[in-house]
Each structure stands twice: as C-alpha cells, then as structure tokens.
Full PDB file with SEQRES, HELIX, SHEET, SSBOND, CRYST1, ORIGX, SCALE, CONECT and MASTER records, all heavy atoms in Angstrom:
SEQRES   1 A   33  LEU ALA LYS GLN LEU GLY TRP ILE LYS VAL PRO ALA VAL          
SEQRES   2 A   33  ASN VAL GLU VAL PRO LYS PRO GLU ILE SER ALA LEU PRO          
SEQRES   3 A   33  PRO GLU ALA LEU ASP SER VAL                                  
HELIX    1 AA1 ILE A   22  ALA A   24  5                                   3    
HELIX    2 AA2 PRO A   27  LEU A   30  5                                   4    
CRYST1    1.000    1.000    1.000  90.00  90.00  90.00 P 1           1          
ORIGX1      1.000000  0.000000  0.000000        0.00000                         
ORIGX2      0.000000  1.000000  0.000000        0.00000                         
ORIGX3      0.000000  0.000000  1.000000        0.00000                         
SCALE1      1.000000  0.000000  0.000000        0.00000                         
SCALE2      0.000000  1.000000  0.000000        0.00000                         
SCALE3      0.000000  0.000000  1.000000        0.00000                         
ATOM      1  N   LEU A   1     118.141 124.256 123.550  1.00  0.00           N  
ATOM      2  CA  LEU A   1     118.657 123.298 124.530  1.00  0.00           C  
ATOM      3  C   LEU A   1     120.036 123.707 125.009  1.00  0.00           C  
ATOM      4  O   LEU A   1     120.346 123.622 126.207  1.00  0.00           O  
ATOM      5  CB  LEU A   1     118.704 121.898 123.905  1.00  0.00           C  
ATOM      6  CG  LEU A   1     119.315 120.785 124.754  1.00  0.00           C  
ATOM      7  CD1 LEU A   1     118.483 120.542 126.008  1.00  0.00           C  
ATOM      8  CD2 LEU A   1     119.453 119.490 123.943  1.00  0.00           C  
ATOM      9  N   ALA A   2     120.887 124.162 124.086  1.00  0.00           N  
ATOM     10  CA  ALA A   2     122.244 124.593 124.453  1.00  0.00           C  
ATOM     11  C   ALA A   2     122.203 125.794 125.388  1.00  0.00           C  
ATOM     12  O   ALA A   2     123.024 125.907 126.316  1.00  0.00           O  
ATOM     13  CB  ALA A   2     123.040 124.922 123.196  1.00  0.00           C  
ATOM     14  N   LYS A   3     121.251 126.687 125.181  1.00  0.00           N  
ATOM     15  CA  LYS A   3     121.124 127.839 126.085  1.00  0.00           C  
ATOM     16  C   LYS A   3     120.695 127.386 127.480  1.00  0.00           C  
ATOM     17  O   LYS A   3     121.193 127.889 128.488  1.00  0.00           O  
ATOM     18  CB  LYS A   3     120.112 128.832 125.521  1.00  0.00           C  
ATOM     19  CG  LYS A   3     120.605 129.569 124.280  1.00  0.00           C  
ATOM     20  CD  LYS A   3     119.551 130.545 123.774  1.00  0.00           C  
ATOM     21  CE  LYS A   3     120.036 131.290 122.543  1.00  0.00           C  
ATOM     22  NZ  LYS A   3     119.010 132.231 122.025  1.00  0.00           N  
ATOM     23  N   GLN A   4     119.780 126.419 127.537  1.00  0.00           N  
ATOM     24  CA  GLN A   4     119.321 125.918 128.826  1.00  0.00           C  
ATOM     25  C   GLN A   4     120.456 125.252 129.603  1.00  0.00           C  
ATOM     26  O   GLN A   4     120.517 125.346 130.832  1.00  0.00           O  
ATOM     27  CB  GLN A   4     118.177 124.930 128.627  1.00  0.00           C  
ATOM     28  CG  GLN A   4     116.905 125.541 128.060  1.00  0.00           C  
ATOM     29  CD  GLN A   4     115.819 124.506 127.818  1.00  0.00           C  
ATOM     30  OE1 GLN A   4     115.940 123.343 128.197  1.00  0.00           O  
ATOM     31  NE2 GLN A   4     114.732 124.929 127.172  1.00  0.00           N  
ATOM     32  N   LEU A   5     121.342 124.577 128.879  1.00  0.00           N  
ATOM     33  CA  LEU A   5     122.454 123.871 129.525  1.00  0.00           C  
ATOM     34  C   LEU A   5     123.677 124.756 129.742  1.00  0.00           C  
ATOM     35  O   LEU A   5     124.675 124.302 130.299  1.00  0.00           O  
ATOM     36  CB  LEU A   5     122.847 122.649 128.683  1.00  0.00           C  
ATOM     37  CG  LEU A   5     121.777 121.561 128.545  1.00  0.00           C  
ATOM     38  CD1 LEU A   5     122.209 120.483 127.559  1.00  0.00           C  
ATOM     39  CD2 LEU A   5     121.471 120.940 129.898  1.00  0.00           C  
ATOM     40  N   GLY A   6     123.615 126.009 129.301  1.00  0.00           N  
ATOM     41  CA  GLY A   6     124.745 126.925 129.483  1.00  0.00           C  
ATOM     42  C   GLY A   6     125.824 126.787 128.436  1.00  0.00           C  
ATOM     43  O   GLY A   6     126.925 127.306 128.626  1.00  0.00           O  
ATOM     44  N   TRP A   7     125.531 126.106 127.328  1.00  0.00           N  
ATOM     45  CA  TRP A   7     126.533 125.959 126.274  1.00  0.00           C  
ATOM     46  C   TRP A   7     126.591 127.193 125.385  1.00  0.00           C  
ATOM     47  O   TRP A   7     127.580 127.411 124.692  1.00  0.00           O  
ATOM     48  CB  TRP A   7     126.225 124.736 125.411  1.00  0.00           C  
ATOM     49  CG  TRP A   7     126.260 123.451 126.166  1.00  0.00           C  
ATOM     50  CD1 TRP A   7     126.823 123.239 127.399  1.00  0.00           C  
ATOM     51  CD2 TRP A   7     125.717 122.187 125.761  1.00  0.00           C  
ATOM     52  NE1 TRP A   7     126.663 121.941 127.786  1.00  0.00           N  
ATOM     53  CE2 TRP A   7     125.986 121.259 126.794  1.00  0.00           C  
ATOM     54  CE3 TRP A   7     125.036 121.740 124.639  1.00  0.00           C  
ATOM     55  CZ2 TRP A   7     125.600 119.928 126.730  1.00  0.00           C  
ATOM     56  CZ3 TRP A   7     124.648 120.419 124.561  1.00  0.00           C  
ATOM     57  CH2 TRP A   7     124.930 119.523 125.601  1.00  0.00           C  
ATOM     58  N   ILE A   8     125.550 127.964 125.377  1.00  0.00           N  
ATOM     59  CA  ILE A   8     125.533 129.252 124.687  1.00  0.00           C  
ATOM     60  C   ILE A   8     125.298 130.305 125.746  1.00  0.00           C  
ATOM     61  O   ILE A   8     124.281 130.279 126.446  1.00  0.00           O  
ATOM     62  CB  ILE A   8     124.445 129.313 123.597  1.00  0.00           C  
ATOM     63  CG1 ILE A   8     124.733 128.292 122.498  1.00  0.00           C  
ATOM     64  CG2 ILE A   8     124.368 130.712 122.998  1.00  0.00           C  
ATOM     65  CD1 ILE A   8     123.688 128.274 121.400  1.00  0.00           C  
ATOM     66  N   LYS A   9     126.237 131.205 125.869  1.00  0.00           N  
ATOM     67  CA  LYS A   9     126.132 132.242 126.884  1.00  0.00           C  
ATOM     68  C   LYS A   9     125.157 133.315 126.412  1.00  0.00           C  
ATOM     69  O   LYS A   9     125.365 133.958 125.387  1.00  0.00           O  
ATOM     70  CB  LYS A   9     127.503 132.864 127.165  1.00  0.00           C  
ATOM     71  CG  LYS A   9     128.555 131.850 127.612  1.00  0.00           C  
ATOM     72  CD  LYS A   9     128.152 131.144 128.898  1.00  0.00           C  
ATOM     73  CE  LYS A   9     129.221 130.169 129.360  1.00  0.00           C  
ATOM     74  NZ  LYS A   9     128.832 129.432 130.565  1.00  0.00           N  
ATOM     75  N   VAL A  10     124.095 133.481 127.162  1.00  0.00           N  
ATOM     76  CA  VAL A  10     123.109 134.506 126.843  1.00  0.00           C  
ATOM     77  C   VAL A  10     123.631 135.830 127.380  1.00  0.00           C  
ATOM     78  O   VAL A  10     123.973 135.935 128.565  1.00  0.00           O  
ATOM     79  CB  VAL A  10     121.739 134.176 127.469  1.00  0.00           C  
ATOM     80  CG1 VAL A  10     120.724 135.251 127.116  1.00  0.00           C  
ATOM     81  CG2 VAL A  10     121.270 132.812 126.998  1.00  0.00           C  
ATOM     82  N   PRO A  11     123.753 136.862 126.531  1.00  0.00           N  
ATOM     83  CA  PRO A  11     124.280 138.144 127.014  1.00  0.00           C  
ATOM     84  C   PRO A  11     123.379 138.749 128.075  1.00  0.00           C  
ATOM     85  O   PRO A  11     122.158 138.604 128.049  1.00  0.00           O  
ATOM     86  CB  PRO A  11     124.316 139.016 125.747  1.00  0.00           C  
ATOM     87  CG  PRO A  11     123.334 138.371 124.812  1.00  0.00           C  
ATOM     88  CD  PRO A  11     123.366 136.902 125.124  1.00  0.00           C  
ATOM     89  N   ALA A  12     124.018 139.404 129.027  1.00  0.00           N  
ATOM     90  CA  ALA A  12     123.271 140.041 130.110  1.00  0.00           C  
ATOM     91  C   ALA A  12     122.462 141.210 129.559  1.00  0.00           C  
ATOM     92  O   ALA A  12     122.892 141.924 128.651  1.00  0.00           O  
ATOM     93  CB  ALA A  12     124.239 140.526 131.197  1.00  0.00           C  
ATOM     94  N   VAL A  13     121.282 141.394 130.111  1.00  0.00           N  
ATOM     95  CA  VAL A  13     120.402 142.478 129.690  1.00  0.00           C  
ATOM     96  C   VAL A  13     120.714 143.702 130.535  1.00  0.00           C  
ATOM     97  O   VAL A  13     120.697 143.656 131.766  1.00  0.00           O  
ATOM     98  CB  VAL A  13     118.922 142.078 129.848  1.00  0.00           C  
ATOM     99  CG1 VAL A  13     118.018 143.228 129.434  1.00  0.00           C  
ATOM    100  CG2 VAL A  13     118.617 140.830 129.041  1.00  0.00           C  
ATOM    101  N   ASN A  14     121.024 144.801 129.860  1.00  0.00           N  
ATOM    102  CA  ASN A  14     121.299 146.044 130.561  1.00  0.00           C  
ATOM    103  C   ASN A  14     119.987 146.690 130.982  1.00  0.00           C  
ATOM    104  O   ASN A  14     119.155 147.048 130.140  1.00  0.00           O  
ATOM    105  CB  ASN A  14     122.090 147.008 129.668  1.00  0.00           C  
ATOM    106  CG  ASN A  14     123.470 146.467 129.328  1.00  0.00           C  
ATOM    107  OD1 ASN A  14     124.083 145.793 130.144  1.00  0.00           O  
ATOM    108  ND2 ASN A  14     123.951 146.766 128.134  1.00  0.00           N  
ATOM    109  N   VAL A  15     119.802 146.807 132.276  1.00  0.00           N  
ATOM    110  CA  VAL A  15     118.588 147.418 132.805  1.00  0.00           C  
ATOM    111  C   VAL A  15     118.780 148.920 132.838  1.00  0.00           C  
ATOM    112  O   VAL A  15     119.709 149.434 133.476  1.00  0.00           O  
ATOM    113  CB  VAL A  15     118.283 146.886 134.222  1.00  0.00           C  
ATOM    114  CG1 VAL A  15     117.016 147.542 134.761  1.00  0.00           C  
ATOM    115  CG2 VAL A  15     118.142 145.379 134.191  1.00  0.00           C  
ATOM    116  N   GLU A  16     117.906 149.633 132.130  1.00  0.00           N  
ATOM    117  CA  GLU A  16     118.024 151.084 132.065  1.00  0.00           C  
ATOM    118  C   GLU A  16     117.529 151.703 133.370  1.00  0.00           C  
ATOM    119  O   GLU A  16     116.405 151.430 133.814  1.00  0.00           O  
ATOM    120  CB  GLU A  16     117.214 151.622 130.880  1.00  0.00           C  
ATOM    121  CG  GLU A  16     117.364 153.119 130.684  1.00  0.00           C  
ATOM    122  CD  GLU A  16     116.603 153.593 129.458  1.00  0.00           C  
ATOM    123  OE1 GLU A  16     116.040 152.737 128.759  1.00  0.00           O  
ATOM    124  OE2 GLU A  16     116.579 154.818 129.220  1.00  0.00           O  
ATOM    125  N   VAL A  17     118.354 152.510 133.965  1.00  0.00           N  
ATOM    126  CA  VAL A  17     117.990 153.174 135.213  1.00  0.00           C  
ATOM    127  C   VAL A  17     117.056 154.327 134.883  1.00  0.00           C  
ATOM    128  O   VAL A  17     117.386 155.186 134.048  1.00  0.00           O  
ATOM    129  CB  VAL A  17     119.247 153.689 135.942  1.00  0.00           C  
ATOM    130  CG1 VAL A  17     118.851 154.404 137.230  1.00  0.00           C  
ATOM    131  CG2 VAL A  17     120.189 152.539 136.232  1.00  0.00           C  
ATOM    132  N   PRO A  18     115.855 154.377 135.497  1.00  0.00           N  
ATOM    133  CA  PRO A  18     114.932 155.473 135.169  1.00  0.00           C  
ATOM    134  C   PRO A  18     115.472 156.818 135.602  1.00  0.00           C  
ATOM    135  O   PRO A  18     116.108 156.952 136.648  1.00  0.00           O  
ATOM    136  CB  PRO A  18     113.659 155.089 135.965  1.00  0.00           C  
ATOM    137  CG  PRO A  18     114.143 154.206 137.066  1.00  0.00           C  
ATOM    138  CD  PRO A  18     115.317 153.460 136.510  1.00  0.00           C  
ATOM    139  N   LYS A  19     115.237 157.818 134.769  1.00  0.00           N  
ATOM    140  CA  LYS A  19     115.699 159.166 135.087  1.00  0.00           C  
ATOM    141  C   LYS A  19     114.798 159.780 136.153  1.00  0.00           C  
ATOM    142  O   LYS A  19     113.610 159.505 136.205  1.00  0.00           O  
ATOM    143  CB  LYS A  19     115.685 160.029 133.829  1.00  0.00           C  
ATOM    144  CG  LYS A  19     116.637 159.535 132.743  1.00  0.00           C  
ATOM    145  CD  LYS A  19     116.567 160.461 131.534  1.00  0.00           C  
ATOM    146  CE  LYS A  19     117.510 159.962 130.441  1.00  0.00           C  
ATOM    147  NZ  LYS A  19     117.451 160.835 129.247  1.00  0.00           N  
ATOM    148  N   PRO A  20     115.359 160.605 137.033  1.00  0.00           N  
ATOM    149  CA  PRO A  20     114.515 161.242 138.059  1.00  0.00           C  
ATOM    150  C   PRO A  20     113.517 162.197 137.429  1.00  0.00           C  
ATOM    151  O   PRO A  20     113.817 162.874 136.438  1.00  0.00           O  
ATOM    152  CB  PRO A  20     115.546 161.993 138.926  1.00  0.00           C  
ATOM    153  CG  PRO A  20     116.731 162.181 138.040  1.00  0.00           C  
ATOM    154  CD  PRO A  20     116.768 160.984 137.136  1.00  0.00           C  
ATOM    155  N   GLU A  21     112.323 162.228 137.994  1.00  0.00           N  
ATOM    156  CA  GLU A  21     111.286 163.109 137.484  1.00  0.00           C  
ATOM    157  C   GLU A  21     111.579 164.548 137.868  1.00  0.00           C  
ATOM    158  O   GLU A  21     111.850 164.862 139.027  1.00  0.00           O  
ATOM    159  CB  GLU A  21     109.927 162.697 138.038  1.00  0.00           C  
ATOM    160  CG  GLU A  21     109.488 161.293 137.597  1.00  0.00           C  
ATOM    161  CD  GLU A  21     108.116 160.955 138.131  1.00  0.00           C  
ATOM    162  OE1 GLU A  21     107.519 161.835 138.786  1.00  0.00           O  
ATOM    163  OE2 GLU A  21     107.647 159.838 137.873  1.00  0.00           O  
ATOM    164  N   ILE A  22     111.526 165.432 136.864  1.00  0.00           N  
ATOM    165  CA  ILE A  22     111.840 166.841 137.120  1.00  0.00           C  
ATOM    166  C   ILE A  22     110.765 167.472 138.002  1.00  0.00           C  
ATOM    167  O   ILE A  22     111.042 168.333 138.823  1.00  0.00           O  
ATOM    168  CB  ILE A  22     111.961 167.607 135.795  1.00  0.00           C  
ATOM    169  CG1 ILE A  22     113.097 167.008 134.963  1.00  0.00           C  
ATOM    170  CG2 ILE A  22     112.195 169.090 136.015  1.00  0.00           C  
ATOM    171  CD1 ILE A  22     113.284 167.675 133.618  1.00  0.00           C  
ATOM    172  N   SER A  23     109.517 166.999 137.869  1.00  0.00           N  
ATOM    173  CA  SER A  23     108.425 167.598 138.641  1.00  0.00           C  
ATOM    174  C   SER A  23     108.585 167.370 140.134  1.00  0.00           C  
ATOM    175  O   SER A  23     107.982 168.063 140.933  1.00  0.00           O  
ATOM    176  CB  SER A  23     107.089 167.009 138.180  1.00  0.00           C  
ATOM    177  OG  SER A  23     107.106 165.595 138.343  1.00  0.00           O  
ATOM    178  N   ALA A  24     109.429 166.381 140.520  1.00  0.00           N  
ATOM    179  CA  ALA A  24     109.616 166.128 141.940  1.00  0.00           C  
ATOM    180  C   ALA A  24     110.505 167.171 142.601  1.00  0.00           C  
ATOM    181  O   ALA A  24     110.583 167.243 143.816  1.00  0.00           O  
ATOM    182  CB  ALA A  24     110.209 164.734 142.146  1.00  0.00           C  
ATOM    183  N   LEU A  25     111.195 168.012 141.811  1.00  0.00           N  
ATOM    184  CA  LEU A  25     112.077 169.024 142.375  1.00  0.00           C  
ATOM    185  C   LEU A  25     111.251 170.227 142.829  1.00  0.00           C  
ATOM    186  O   LEU A  25     110.162 170.482 142.314  1.00  0.00           O  
ATOM    187  CB  LEU A  25     113.102 169.464 141.326  1.00  0.00           C  
ATOM    188  CG  LEU A  25     114.063 168.373 140.827  1.00  0.00           C  
ATOM    189  CD1 LEU A  25     114.916 168.925 139.701  1.00  0.00           C  
ATOM    190  CD2 LEU A  25     114.934 167.879 141.962  1.00  0.00           C  
ATOM    191  N   PRO A  26     111.734 171.012 143.801  1.00  0.00           N  
ATOM    192  CA  PRO A  26     111.022 172.233 144.209  1.00  0.00           C  
ATOM    193  C   PRO A  26     110.966 173.225 143.059  1.00  0.00           C  
ATOM    194  O   PRO A  26     111.850 173.241 142.186  1.00  0.00           O  
ATOM    195  CB  PRO A  26     111.875 172.759 145.378  1.00  0.00           C  
ATOM    196  CG  PRO A  26     113.205 172.125 145.198  1.00  0.00           C  
ATOM    197  CD  PRO A  26     112.953 170.804 144.578  1.00  0.00           C  
ATOM    198  N   PRO A  27     109.947 174.097 143.053  1.00  0.00           N  
ATOM    199  CA  PRO A  27     109.790 175.036 141.928  1.00  0.00           C  
ATOM    200  C   PRO A  27     111.007 175.916 141.711  1.00  0.00           C  
ATOM    201  O   PRO A  27     111.383 176.207 140.588  1.00  0.00           O  
ATOM    202  CB  PRO A  27     108.549 175.843 142.329  1.00  0.00           C  
ATOM    203  CG  PRO A  27     107.809 174.955 143.277  1.00  0.00           C  
ATOM    204  CD  PRO A  27     108.853 174.197 144.025  1.00  0.00           C  
ATOM    205  N   GLU A  28     111.644 176.359 142.830  1.00  0.00           N  
ATOM    206  CA  GLU A  28     112.786 177.265 142.658  1.00  0.00           C  
ATOM    207  C   GLU A  28     113.980 176.581 142.016  1.00  0.00           C  
ATOM    208  O   GLU A  28     114.840 177.237 141.433  1.00  0.00           O  
ATOM    209  CB  GLU A  28     113.198 177.856 144.003  1.00  0.00           C  
ATOM    210  CG  GLU A  28     113.568 176.818 145.065  1.00  0.00           C  
ATOM    211  CD  GLU A  28     112.366 176.394 145.887  1.00  0.00           C  
ATOM    212  OE1 GLU A  28     111.232 176.710 145.446  1.00  0.00           O  
ATOM    213  OE2 GLU A  28     112.545 175.797 146.952  1.00  0.00           O  
ATOM    214  N   ALA A  29     114.037 175.232 142.107  1.00  0.00           N  
ATOM    215  CA  ALA A  29     115.164 174.529 141.498  1.00  0.00           C  
ATOM    216  C   ALA A  29     115.031 174.471 139.982  1.00  0.00           C  
ATOM    217  O   ALA A  29     115.999 174.186 139.291  1.00  0.00           O  
ATOM    218  CB  ALA A  29     115.259 173.115 142.058  1.00  0.00           C  
ATOM    219  N   LEU A  30     113.815 174.716 139.479  1.00  0.00           N  
ATOM    220  CA  LEU A  30     113.613 174.666 138.034  1.00  0.00           C  
ATOM    221  C   LEU A  30     114.007 175.967 137.356  1.00  0.00           C  
ATOM    222  O   LEU A  30     114.098 176.016 136.134  1.00  0.00           O  
ATOM    223  CB  LEU A  30     112.150 174.353 137.722  1.00  0.00           C  
ATOM    224  CG  LEU A  30     111.613 173.038 138.305  1.00  0.00           C  
ATOM    225  CD1 LEU A  30     110.137 172.883 137.949  1.00  0.00           C  
ATOM    226  CD2 LEU A  30     112.411 171.871 137.765  1.00  0.00           C  
ATOM    227  N   ASP A  31     114.177 177.059 138.143  1.00  0.00           N  
ATOM    228  CA  ASP A  31     114.548 178.352 137.571  1.00  0.00           C  
ATOM    229  C   ASP A  31     116.054 178.409 137.425  1.00  0.00           C  
ATOM    230  O   ASP A  31     116.785 178.513 138.423  1.00  0.00           O  
ATOM    231  CB  ASP A  31     114.065 179.497 138.470  1.00  0.00           C  
ATOM    232  CG  ASP A  31     112.545 179.494 138.594  1.00  0.00           C  
ATOM    233  OD1 ASP A  31     111.896 179.024 137.645  1.00  0.00           O  
ATOM    234  OD2 ASP A  31     112.042 179.946 139.633  1.00  0.00           O  
ATOM    235  N   SER A  32     116.517 178.322 136.257  1.00  0.00           N  
ATOM    236  CA  SER A  32     117.960 178.384 136.013  1.00  0.00           C  
ATOM    237  C   SER A  32     118.270 179.706 135.343  1.00  0.00           C  
ATOM    238  O   SER A  32     117.811 179.979 134.236  1.00  0.00           O  
ATOM    239  CB  SER A  32     118.407 177.217 135.139  1.00  0.00           C  
ATOM    240  OG  SER A  32     117.696 177.234 133.939  1.00  0.00           O  
ATOM    241  N   VAL A  33     118.981 180.581 136.030  1.00  0.00           N  
ATOM    242  CA  VAL A  33     119.347 181.893 135.522  1.00  0.00           C  
ATOM    243  C   VAL A  33     120.760 181.811 134.977  1.00  0.00           C  
ATOM    244  O   VAL A  33     121.702 181.494 135.710  1.00  0.00           O  
ATOM    245  CB  VAL A  33     119.260 182.964 136.632  1.00  0.00           C  
ATOM    246  CG1 VAL A  33     119.657 184.324 136.080  1.00  0.00           C  
ATOM    247  CG2 VAL A  33     117.850 182.994 137.198  1.00  0.00           C  
TER     248      VAL A  33                                                      
MASTER        0    0    0    2    0    0    0    6  247    1    0    3          
END                                                                             
C-alpha cells in the first residue's frame, strides 16, 4: 500500500541497451589486421 501511495520510493529499473549485432556489419569491417 505504501508503494502504491508513493510512501516507499521504488528504485528505477535500469534498462539495458542491446548491443549492436556484429553480423549486421559488412564483411570487410570484421577483418581486423
């Protein structure tokens, strides 16, 4: 009840940002010399 009324502050949930997919890069970008 206290959470519903704002008497207990619920911590914010950190949304994890998805990492970019490596397969979406061109083939030559994957060759690291």
